[in-house]
Amino acid sequence: MPEVKVSQEITGKKKEVFAAVKSYLDGKDFLGKLGAEVDWDEKKCCGSIEASNFKGEIEITENGTKSIVEISVHLPLLLTPFKGKAEEELKKHLSRVKV
């Protein structure tokens, strides 16, 4: 399975960044338009993405005064041609998250 993996460093504590990412992704609903649902785990500050044709994870780790948001999506072979576009969209949306 091809994997798309993007990460973004965002200034802020882990919980604050998690809340901002969750709010942004739930508000934009660009994953929902693809038929995906995100199951958020507030204690671990992560989420799992489930859709009929792909799955993925969202993880947030703290690194000093900044946090690193990492989204990885596992695509089926049929969606391999869209790997570049998926990576581009994820990067674009992560860059818009503000704490």
N, C-alpha and C. Protein backbone atom coordinates (compact mmCIF):
# COMPACT_ATOMS: atom_id res chain seq x y z
N MET A 1 0.84 -1.18 0.00
CA MET A 1 0.00 0.00 0.00
C MET A 1 0.88 1.25 0.00
N PRO A 2 0.68 2.15 -0.95
CA PRO A 2 1.43 3.42 -0.93
C PRO A 2 1.00 4.27 0.26
N GLU A 3 1.94 5.03 0.77
CA GLU A 3 1.66 5.86 1.94
C GLU A 3 2.03 7.31 1.65
N VAL A 4 1.14 8.19 2.04
CA VAL A 4 1.40 9.63 1.99
C VAL A 4 1.65 10.06 3.42
N LYS A 5 2.77 10.74 3.64
CA LYS A 5 3.12 11.16 5.00
C LYS A 5 3.58 12.61 4.95
N VAL A 6 2.90 13.46 5.73
CA VAL A 6 3.27 14.86 5.81
C VAL A 6 3.39 15.27 7.27
N SER A 7 4.28 16.21 7.53
CA SER A 7 4.40 16.71 8.90
C SER A 7 4.58 18.22 8.86
N GLN A 8 4.14 18.86 9.92
CA GLN A 8 4.20 20.31 10.04
C GLN A 8 4.53 20.66 11.48
N GLU A 9 5.50 21.55 11.65
CA GLU A 9 5.84 22.03 12.98
C GLU A 9 5.00 23.26 13.27
N ILE A 10 4.32 23.24 14.42
CA ILE A 10 3.43 24.34 14.81
C ILE A 10 3.82 24.78 16.22
N THR A 11 3.98 26.09 16.40
CA THR A 11 4.33 26.61 17.71
C THR A 11 3.16 26.46 18.67
N GLY A 12 3.42 25.85 19.82
CA GLY A 12 2.38 25.67 20.83
C GLY A 12 2.52 24.35 21.55
N LYS A 13 1.88 24.25 22.68
CA LYS A 13 1.87 23.01 23.46
C LYS A 13 1.03 21.95 22.73
N LYS A 14 1.33 20.71 23.05
CA LYS A 14 0.69 19.57 22.38
C LYS A 14 -0.84 19.65 22.42
N LYS A 15 -1.41 19.89 23.58
CA LYS A 15 -2.88 19.94 23.73
C LYS A 15 -3.49 21.10 22.95
N GLU A 16 -2.81 22.25 22.94
CA GLU A 16 -3.31 23.42 22.20
C GLU A 16 -3.28 23.15 20.70
N VAL A 17 -2.19 22.56 20.23
CA VAL A 17 -2.05 22.24 18.81
C VAL A 17 -3.07 21.18 18.42
N PHE A 18 -3.27 20.18 19.27
CA PHE A 18 -4.27 19.15 19.00
C PHE A 18 -5.65 19.78 18.83
N ALA A 19 -6.01 20.67 19.75
CA ALA A 19 -7.33 21.34 19.68
C ALA A 19 -7.45 22.14 18.39
N ALA A 20 -6.39 22.83 17.99
CA ALA A 20 -6.42 23.63 16.77
C ALA A 20 -6.54 22.75 15.53
N VAL A 21 -5.80 21.64 15.48
CA VAL A 21 -5.86 20.72 14.34
C VAL A 21 -7.25 20.09 14.26
N LYS A 22 -7.76 19.64 15.39
CA LYS A 22 -9.09 19.02 15.42
C LYS A 22 -10.15 20.01 14.96
N SER A 23 -10.11 21.21 15.48
CA SER A 23 -11.08 22.24 15.11
C SER A 23 -11.00 22.55 13.62
N TYR A 24 -9.78 22.69 13.12
CA TYR A 24 -9.60 23.03 11.70
C TYR A 24 -10.11 21.90 10.81
N LEU A 25 -9.67 20.68 11.07
CA LEU A 25 -10.05 19.56 10.20
C LEU A 25 -11.54 19.26 10.29
N ASP A 26 -12.13 19.37 11.48
CA ASP A 26 -13.57 19.17 11.61
C ASP A 26 -14.36 20.29 10.92
N GLY A 27 -13.83 21.51 10.99
CA GLY A 27 -14.50 22.66 10.39
C GLY A 27 -14.43 22.67 8.88
N LYS A 28 -13.29 22.29 8.33
CA LYS A 28 -13.12 22.27 6.88
C LYS A 28 -13.81 21.08 6.24
N ASP A 29 -13.82 19.97 6.94
CA ASP A 29 -14.47 18.74 6.49
C ASP A 29 -13.99 18.27 5.12
N PHE A 30 -12.72 18.57 4.77
CA PHE A 30 -12.22 18.09 3.48
C PHE A 30 -12.04 16.57 3.50
N LEU A 31 -11.78 15.98 4.66
CA LEU A 31 -11.70 14.52 4.74
C LEU A 31 -13.10 13.92 4.64
N GLY A 32 -14.09 14.58 5.21
CA GLY A 32 -15.47 14.11 5.13
C GLY A 32 -15.98 14.08 3.70
N LYS A 33 -15.52 15.02 2.89
CA LYS A 33 -15.91 15.05 1.48
C LYS A 33 -15.38 13.84 0.72
N LEU A 34 -14.32 13.23 1.27
CA LEU A 34 -13.74 12.03 0.67
C LEU A 34 -14.33 10.76 1.27
N GLY A 35 -15.33 10.92 2.13
CA GLY A 35 -15.97 9.78 2.75
C GLY A 35 -15.24 9.27 3.98
N ALA A 36 -14.37 10.10 4.55
CA ALA A 36 -13.58 9.68 5.71
C ALA A 36 -14.15 10.26 7.00
N GLU A 37 -13.96 9.52 8.06
CA GLU A 37 -14.31 9.99 9.40
C GLU A 37 -13.06 9.93 10.25
N VAL A 38 -12.90 10.92 11.13
CA VAL A 38 -11.76 10.94 12.04
C VAL A 38 -12.25 10.62 13.43
N ASP A 39 -11.63 9.60 14.03
CA ASP A 39 -11.94 9.22 15.40
C ASP A 39 -10.84 9.83 16.28
N TRP A 40 -11.17 10.89 17.01
CA TRP A 40 -10.20 11.63 17.81
C TRP A 40 -10.02 11.00 19.18
N ASP A 41 -8.78 10.94 19.65
CA ASP A 41 -8.44 10.47 21.00
C ASP A 41 -7.79 11.65 21.72
N GLU A 42 -8.58 12.35 22.54
CA GLU A 42 -8.10 13.56 23.19
C GLU A 42 -7.03 13.30 24.24
N LYS A 43 -7.05 12.13 24.88
CA LYS A 43 -6.03 11.82 25.88
C LYS A 43 -4.65 11.64 25.26
N LYS A 44 -4.60 10.98 24.10
CA LYS A 44 -3.33 10.71 23.43
C LYS A 44 -2.98 11.79 22.40
N CYS A 45 -3.89 12.71 22.16
CA CYS A 45 -3.71 13.77 21.16
C CYS A 45 -3.39 13.18 19.78
N CYS A 46 -4.28 12.30 19.33
CA CYS A 46 -4.11 11.70 18.02
C CYS A 46 -5.49 11.39 17.44
N GLY A 47 -5.48 10.90 16.24
CA GLY A 47 -6.73 10.53 15.59
C GLY A 47 -6.50 9.46 14.55
N SER A 48 -7.52 8.67 14.29
CA SER A 48 -7.42 7.67 13.23
C SER A 48 -8.44 8.02 12.16
N ILE A 49 -8.01 7.90 10.93
CA ILE A 49 -8.84 8.24 9.77
C ILE A 49 -9.32 6.94 9.14
N GLU A 50 -10.62 6.83 8.93
CA GLU A 50 -11.20 5.65 8.30
C GLU A 50 -12.11 6.07 7.16
N ALA A 51 -11.91 5.44 6.02
CA ALA A 51 -12.77 5.64 4.86
C ALA A 51 -12.92 4.30 4.15
N SER A 52 -13.82 4.24 3.21
CA SER A 52 -14.03 2.97 2.51
C SER A 52 -12.83 2.58 1.65
N ASN A 53 -12.08 3.59 1.16
CA ASN A 53 -10.97 3.27 0.27
C ASN A 53 -9.58 3.68 0.77
N PHE A 54 -9.48 4.20 1.98
CA PHE A 54 -8.18 4.50 2.56
C PHE A 54 -8.31 4.64 4.07
N LYS A 55 -7.16 4.63 4.75
CA LYS A 55 -7.13 4.84 6.19
C LYS A 55 -5.85 5.59 6.53
N GLY A 56 -5.80 6.13 7.74
CA GLY A 56 -4.62 6.88 8.12
C GLY A 56 -4.61 7.24 9.59
N GLU A 57 -3.58 7.98 9.98
CA GLU A 57 -3.41 8.39 11.37
C GLU A 57 -2.99 9.85 11.44
N ILE A 58 -3.35 10.48 12.53
CA ILE A 58 -2.90 11.84 12.85
C ILE A 58 -2.24 11.76 14.22
N GLU A 59 -0.98 12.17 14.30
CA GLU A 59 -0.26 12.14 15.58
C GLU A 59 0.35 13.50 15.84
N ILE A 60 0.33 13.89 17.11
CA ILE A 60 0.93 15.16 17.52
C ILE A 60 1.91 14.87 18.64
N THR A 61 3.15 15.31 18.44
CA THR A 61 4.19 15.14 19.46
C THR A 61 4.74 16.50 19.82
N GLU A 62 5.15 16.62 21.07
CA GLU A 62 5.68 17.90 21.56
C GLU A 62 7.20 17.89 21.47
N ASN A 63 7.75 19.02 21.01
CA ASN A 63 9.19 19.16 20.88
C ASN A 63 9.57 20.55 21.39
N GLY A 64 9.74 20.67 22.70
CA GLY A 64 10.05 21.97 23.30
C GLY A 64 8.84 22.88 23.27
N THR A 65 9.02 24.06 22.66
CA THR A 65 7.91 25.02 22.57
C THR A 65 7.06 24.80 21.33
N LYS A 66 7.43 23.83 20.51
CA LYS A 66 6.69 23.53 19.29
C LYS A 66 6.14 22.11 19.34
N SER A 67 5.17 21.86 18.50
CA SER A 67 4.61 20.52 18.37
C SER A 67 4.69 20.13 16.90
N ILE A 68 4.83 18.84 16.68
CA ILE A 68 4.91 18.32 15.32
C ILE A 68 3.64 17.54 15.03
N VAL A 69 2.94 17.95 13.99
CA VAL A 69 1.73 17.27 13.55
C VAL A 69 2.11 16.40 12.37
N GLU A 70 1.81 15.12 12.47
CA GLU A 70 2.14 14.19 11.39
C GLU A 70 0.87 13.47 10.96
N ILE A 71 0.60 13.54 9.67
CA ILE A 71 -0.55 12.83 9.10
C ILE A 71 -0.02 11.82 8.10
N SER A 72 -0.42 10.58 8.27
CA SER A 72 -0.05 9.55 7.30
C SER A 72 -1.33 8.89 6.80
N VAL A 73 -1.38 8.70 5.49
CA VAL A 73 -2.55 8.11 4.85
C VAL A 73 -2.08 6.93 4.01
N HIS A 74 -2.72 5.80 4.18
CA HIS A 74 -2.40 4.59 3.43
C HIS A 74 -3.42 4.45 2.30
N LEU A 75 -2.92 4.51 1.08
CA LEU A 75 -3.79 4.46 -0.10
C LEU A 75 -3.76 3.08 -0.73
N PRO A 76 -4.88 2.62 -1.29
CA PRO A 76 -4.85 1.38 -2.05
C PRO A 76 -4.12 1.61 -3.38
N LEU A 77 -3.69 0.54 -4.00
CA LEU A 77 -2.93 0.65 -5.25
C LEU A 77 -3.66 1.44 -6.33
N LEU A 78 -4.98 1.31 -6.39
CA LEU A 78 -5.74 2.02 -7.42
C LEU A 78 -5.65 3.54 -7.28
N LEU A 79 -5.39 4.03 -6.05
CA LEU A 79 -5.31 5.47 -5.83
C LEU A 79 -3.87 6.00 -5.89
N THR A 80 -2.91 5.17 -6.25
CA THR A 80 -1.51 5.59 -6.34
C THR A 80 -1.31 6.82 -7.22
N PRO A 81 -2.01 6.94 -8.36
CA PRO A 81 -1.82 8.15 -9.18
C PRO A 81 -2.18 9.45 -8.47
N PHE A 82 -2.97 9.37 -7.40
CA PHE A 82 -3.40 10.56 -6.66
C PHE A 82 -2.53 10.85 -5.45
N LYS A 83 -1.46 10.10 -5.28
CA LYS A 83 -0.59 10.25 -4.11
C LYS A 83 -0.02 11.67 -4.01
N GLY A 84 0.47 12.22 -5.10
CA GLY A 84 1.03 13.57 -5.10
C GLY A 84 -0.01 14.63 -4.75
N LYS A 85 -1.19 14.50 -5.29
CA LYS A 85 -2.27 15.45 -5.01
C LYS A 85 -2.71 15.35 -3.56
N ALA A 86 -2.77 14.14 -3.03
CA ALA A 86 -3.15 13.95 -1.63
C ALA A 86 -2.12 14.60 -0.71
N GLU A 87 -0.84 14.41 -1.01
CA GLU A 87 0.22 15.02 -0.20
C GLU A 87 0.15 16.54 -0.27
N GLU A 88 -0.09 17.07 -1.44
CA GLU A 88 -0.21 18.52 -1.63
C GLU A 88 -1.37 19.10 -0.82
N GLU A 89 -2.51 18.43 -0.86
CA GLU A 89 -3.69 18.90 -0.11
C GLU A 89 -3.46 18.86 1.40
N LEU A 90 -2.86 17.77 1.88
CA LEU A 90 -2.60 17.65 3.32
C LEU A 90 -1.64 18.74 3.78
N LYS A 91 -0.59 19.00 3.01
CA LYS A 91 0.37 20.05 3.37
C LYS A 91 -0.31 21.41 3.39
N LYS A 92 -1.14 21.66 2.41
CA LYS A 92 -1.85 22.95 2.33
C LYS A 92 -2.72 23.16 3.55
N HIS A 93 -3.47 22.15 3.93
CA HIS A 93 -4.37 22.29 5.08
C HIS A 93 -3.60 22.38 6.40
N LEU A 94 -2.54 21.61 6.56
CA LEU A 94 -1.74 21.70 7.78
C LEU A 94 -1.09 23.07 7.94
N SER A 95 -0.67 23.67 6.83
CA SER A 95 -0.02 24.98 6.91
C SER A 95 -1.00 26.07 7.34
N ARG A 96 -2.29 25.82 7.24
CA ARG A 96 -3.31 26.81 7.61
C ARG A 96 -3.75 26.72 9.07
N VAL A 97 -3.30 25.71 9.79
CA VAL A 97 -3.69 25.54 11.19
C VAL A 97 -2.99 26.59 12.04
N LYS A 98 -3.77 27.34 12.80
CA LYS A 98 -3.23 28.37 13.69
C LYS A 98 -3.67 28.08 15.13
N VAL A 99 -2.74 28.24 16.06
CA VAL A 99 -3.04 28.01 17.48
C VAL A 99 -3.42 29.34 18.11
